[in-house]
PDB file of N, CA and C in Angstrom:
ATOM      1  N   MET A   1       0.840  -1.207   0.000  1.00  0.00           N
ATOM      2  CA  MET A   1       0.000   0.000   0.000  1.00  0.00           C
ATOM      3  C   MET A   1       0.874   1.255   0.000  1.00  0.00           C
ATOM      4  N   ARG A   2       1.857   1.262   0.860  1.00  0.00           N
ATOM      5  CA  ARG A   2       2.697   2.447   0.977  1.00  0.00           C
ATOM      6  C   ARG A   2       3.516   2.677  -0.298  1.00  0.00           C
ATOM      7  N   ALA A   3       4.030   1.583  -0.863  1.00  0.00           N
ATOM      8  CA  ALA A   3       4.821   1.683  -2.091  1.00  0.00           C
ATOM      9  C   ALA A   3       3.967   2.245  -3.226  1.00  0.00           C
ATOM     10  N   HIS A   4       2.719   1.829  -3.262  1.00  0.00           N
ATOM     11  CA  HIS A   4       1.806   2.303  -4.305  1.00  0.00           C
ATOM     12  C   HIS A   4       1.578   3.812  -4.175  1.00  0.00           C
ATOM     13  N   THR A   5       1.415   4.283  -2.949  1.00  0.00           N
ATOM     14  CA  THR A   5       1.211   5.715  -2.730  1.00  0.00           C
ATOM     15  C   THR A   5       2.456   6.490  -3.131  1.00  0.00           C
ATOM     16  N   LYS A   6       3.618   5.952  -2.792  1.00  0.00           N
ATOM     17  CA  LYS A   6       4.874   6.601  -3.178  1.00  0.00           C
ATOM     18  C   LYS A   6       4.974   6.693  -4.692  1.00  0.00           C
ATOM     19  N   PHE A   7       4.603   5.616  -5.368  1.00  0.00           N
ATOM     20  CA  PHE A   7       4.662   5.583  -6.830  1.00  0.00           C
ATOM     21  C   PHE A   7       3.736   6.635  -7.430  1.00  0.00           C
ATOM     22  N   ARG A   8       2.525   6.729  -6.899  1.00  0.00           N
ATOM     23  CA  ARG A   8       1.567   7.725  -7.394  1.00  0.00           C
ATOM     24  C   ARG A   8       2.082   9.133  -7.149  1.00  0.00           C
ATOM     25  N   PHE A   9       2.698   9.336  -5.990  1.00  0.00           N
ATOM     26  CA  PHE A   9       3.256  10.646  -5.661  1.00  0.00           C
ATOM     27  C   PHE A   9       4.360  11.012  -6.647  1.00  0.00           C
ATOM     28  N   ALA A  10       5.218  10.033  -6.947  1.00  0.00           N
ATOM     29  CA  ALA A  10       6.306  10.251  -7.898  1.00  0.00           C
ATOM     30  C   ALA A  10       5.751  10.597  -9.275  1.00  0.00           C
ATOM     31  N   CYS A  11       4.686   9.931  -9.666  1.00  0.00           N
ATOM     32  CA  CYS A  11       4.051  10.209 -10.962  1.00  0.00           C
ATOM     33  C   CYS A  11       3.520  11.632 -11.005  1.00  0.00           C
ATOM     34  N   LYS A  12       2.878  12.051  -9.918  1.00  0.00           N
ATOM     35  CA  LYS A  12       2.338  13.409  -9.861  1.00  0.00           C
ATOM     36  C   LYS A  12       3.466  14.437  -9.933  1.00  0.00           C
ATOM     37  N   MET A  13       4.550  14.185  -9.213  1.00  0.00           N
ATOM     38  CA  MET A  13       5.692  15.094  -9.233  1.00  0.00           C
ATOM     39  C   MET A  13       6.278  15.173 -10.630  1.00  0.00           C
ATOM     40  N   TRP A  14       6.387  14.027 -11.300  1.00  0.00           N
ATOM     41  CA  TRP A  14       6.936  13.976 -12.654  1.00  0.00           C
ATOM     42  C   TRP A  14       6.048  14.757 -13.613  1.00  0.00           C
ATOM     43  N   GLU A  15       4.721  14.622 -13.469  1.00  0.00           N
ATOM     44  CA  GLU A  15       3.792  15.373 -14.312  1.00  0.00           C
ATOM     45  C   GLU A  15       3.975  16.869 -14.106  1.00  0.00           C
ATOM     46  N   LEU A  16       4.068  17.282 -12.853  1.00  0.00           N
ATOM     47  CA  LEU A  16       4.267  18.698 -12.547  1.00  0.00           C
ATOM     48  C   LEU A  16       5.563  19.208 -13.156  1.00  0.00           C
ATOM     49  N   LEU A  17       6.611  18.402 -13.041  1.00  0.00           N
ATOM     50  CA  LEU A  17       7.907  18.779 -13.594  1.00  0.00           C
ATOM     51  C   LEU A  17       7.815  18.962 -15.102  1.00  0.00           C
ATOM     52  N   GLN A  18       7.175  18.021 -15.772  1.00  0.00           N
ATOM     53  CA  GLN A  18       7.029  18.100 -17.231  1.00  0.00           C
ATOM     54  C   GLN A  18       6.238  19.332 -17.638  1.00  0.00           C
ATOM     55  N   ILE A  19       5.163  19.625 -16.911  1.00  0.00           N
ATOM     56  CA  ILE A  19       4.341  20.805 -17.205  1.00  0.00           C
ATOM     57  C   ILE A  19       5.179  22.072 -17.043  1.00  0.00           C
ATOM     58  N   THR A  20       5.966  22.133 -15.966  1.00  0.00           N
ATOM     59  CA  THR A  20       6.807  23.304 -15.726  1.00  0.00           C
ATOM     60  C   THR A  20       7.816  23.483 -16.844  1.00  0.00           C
ATOM     61  N   ILE A  21       8.463  22.378 -17.254  1.00  0.00           N
ATOM     62  CA  ILE A  21       9.452  22.430 -18.327  1.00  0.00           C
ATOM     63  C   ILE A  21       8.793  22.893 -19.622  1.00  0.00           C
ATOM     64  N   LEU A  22       7.626  22.354 -19.926  1.00  0.00           N
ATOM     65  CA  LEU A  22       6.921  22.731 -21.154  1.00  0.00           C
ATOM     66  C   LEU A  22       6.564  24.209 -21.143  1.00  0.00           C
ATOM     67  N   ARG A  23       6.091  24.702 -20.020  1.00  0.00           N
ATOM     68  CA  ARG A  23       5.735  26.121 -19.913  1.00  0.00           C
ATOM     69  C   ARG A  23       6.954  26.996 -20.118  1.00  0.00           C
ATOM     70  N   THR A  24       8.066  26.625 -19.475  1.00  0.00           N
ATOM     71  CA  THR A  24       9.295  27.403 -19.600  1.00  0.00           C
ATOM     72  C   THR A  24       9.766  27.412 -21.042  1.00  0.00           C
ATOM     73  N   ASN A  25       9.742  26.245 -21.686  1.00  0.00           N
ATOM     74  CA  ASN A  25      10.168  26.142 -23.079  1.00  0.00           C
ATOM     75  C   ASN A  25       9.306  27.002 -23.985  1.00  0.00           C
ATOM     76  N   SER A  26       7.996  26.965 -23.806  1.00  0.00           N
ATOM     77  CA  SER A  26       7.113  27.751 -24.666  1.00  0.00           C
ATOM     78  C   SER A  26       7.331  29.243 -24.445  1.00  0.00           C
ATOM     79  N   LYS A  27       7.629  29.643 -23.204  1.00  0.00           N
ATOM     80  CA  LYS A  27       7.937  31.046 -22.919  1.00  0.00           C
ATOM     81  C   LYS A  27       9.192  31.466 -23.664  1.00  0.00           C
ATOM     82  N   ILE A  28      10.235  30.624 -23.580  1.00  0.00           N
ATOM     83  CA  ILE A  28      11.506  30.924 -24.239  1.00  0.00           C
ATOM     84  C   ILE A  28      11.302  31.012 -25.751  1.00  0.00           C
ATOM     85  N   ILE A  29      10.563  30.056 -26.305  1.00  0.00           N
ATOM     86  CA  ILE A  29      10.297  30.043 -27.744  1.00  0.00           C
ATOM     87  C   ILE A  29       9.497  31.287 -28.139  1.00  0.00           C
ATOM     88  N   GLY A  30       8.523  31.650 -27.342  1.00  0.00           N
ATOM     89  CA  GLY A  30       7.713  32.834 -27.616  1.00  0.00           C
ATOM     90  C   GLY A  30       8.547  34.101 -27.633  1.00  0.00           C
ATOM     91  N   ILE A  31       9.414  34.272 -26.637  1.00  0.00           N
ATOM     92  CA  ILE A  31      10.298  35.438 -26.572  1.00  0.00           C
ATOM     93  C   ILE A  31      11.246  35.446 -27.765  1.00  0.00           C
ATOM     94  N   TYR A  32      11.773  34.264 -28.109  1.00  0.00           N
ATOM     95  CA  TYR A  32      12.725  34.143 -29.212  1.00  0.00           C
ATOM     96  C   TYR A  32      12.075  34.538 -30.532  1.00  0.00           C
ATOM     97  N   THR A  33      10.887  34.019 -30.812  1.00  0.00           N
ATOM     98  CA  THR A  33      10.217  34.342 -32.080  1.00  0.00           C
ATOM     99  C   THR A  33       9.802  35.809 -32.101  1.00  0.00           C
ATOM    100  N   PHE A  34       9.355  36.325 -30.963  1.00  0.00           N
ATOM    101  CA  PHE A  34       8.977  37.736 -30.863  1.00  0.00           C
ATOM    102  C   PHE A  34      10.155  38.627 -31.227  1.00  0.00           C
ATOM    103  N   ARG A  35      11.318  38.341 -30.642  1.00  0.00           N
ATOM    104  CA  ARG A  35      12.523  39.119 -30.932  1.00  0.00           C
ATOM    105  C   ARG A  35      12.940  38.957 -32.382  1.00  0.00           C
ATOM    106  N   LYS A  36      12.833  37.734 -32.886  1.00  0.00           N
ATOM    107  CA  LYS A  36      13.247  37.452 -34.261  1.00  0.00           C
ATOM    108  C   LYS A  36      12.402  38.257 -35.245  1.00  0.00           C
ATOM    109  N   ILE A  37      11.092  38.299 -34.992  1.00  0.00           N
ATOM    110  CA  ILE A  37      10.183  39.028 -35.885  1.00  0.00           C
ATOM    111  C   ILE A  37      10.477  40.527 -35.825  1.00  0.00           C
ATOM    112  N   PHE A  38      10.670  41.048 -34.616  1.00  0.00           N
ATOM    113  CA  PHE A  38      10.833  42.490 -34.467  1.00  0.00           C
ATOM    114  C   PHE A  38      12.260  42.971 -34.697  1.00  0.00           C
ATOM    115  N   SER A  39      13.204  42.048 -34.802  1.00  0.00           N
ATOM    116  CA  SER A  39      14.579  42.472 -35.098  1.00  0.00           C
ATOM    117  C   SER A  39      14.769  42.680 -36.594  1.00  0.00           C
ATOM    118  N   GLN A  40      13.836  42.127 -37.404  1.00  0.00           N
ATOM    119  CA  GLN A  40      13.899  42.328 -38.854  1.00  0.00           C
ATOM    120  C   GLN A  40      13.022  43.526 -39.211  1.00  0.00           C
ATOM    121  N   PRO A  41      13.615  44.591 -39.728  1.00  0.00           N
ATOM    122  CA  PRO A  41      12.827  45.801 -40.009  1.00  0.00           C
ATOM    123  C   PRO A  41      11.819  45.619 -41.140  1.00  0.00           C
ATOM    124  N   ASN A  42      12.133  44.792 -42.144  1.00  0.00           N
ATOM    125  CA  ASN A  42      11.235  44.612 -43.288  1.00  0.00           C
ATOM    126  C   ASN A  42      10.470  43.296 -43.197  1.00  0.00           C
ATOM    127  N   SER A  43      10.011  42.948 -42.005  1.00  0.00           N
ATOM    128  CA  SER A  43       9.316  41.669 -41.834  1.00  0.00           C
ATOM    129  C   SER A  43       7.842  41.783 -42.211  1.00  0.00           C
ATOM    130  N   CYS A  44       7.265  42.984 -42.137  1.00  0.00           N
ATOM    131  CA  CYS A  44       5.837  43.146 -42.431  1.00  0.00           C
ATOM    132  C   CYS A  44       5.590  43.218 -43.932  1.00  0.00           C
TER     133      CYS A  44
END
């Protein structure tokens, strides 16, 4: 019983970690593309 709870806890922690990493990555990508678009004067 206890091992099962530990396993579920580890799964939840792993999910949270993955979500955090994904959010951080999308933020970085968003900032990068934003800068890339606005650093080119004739992009429009």
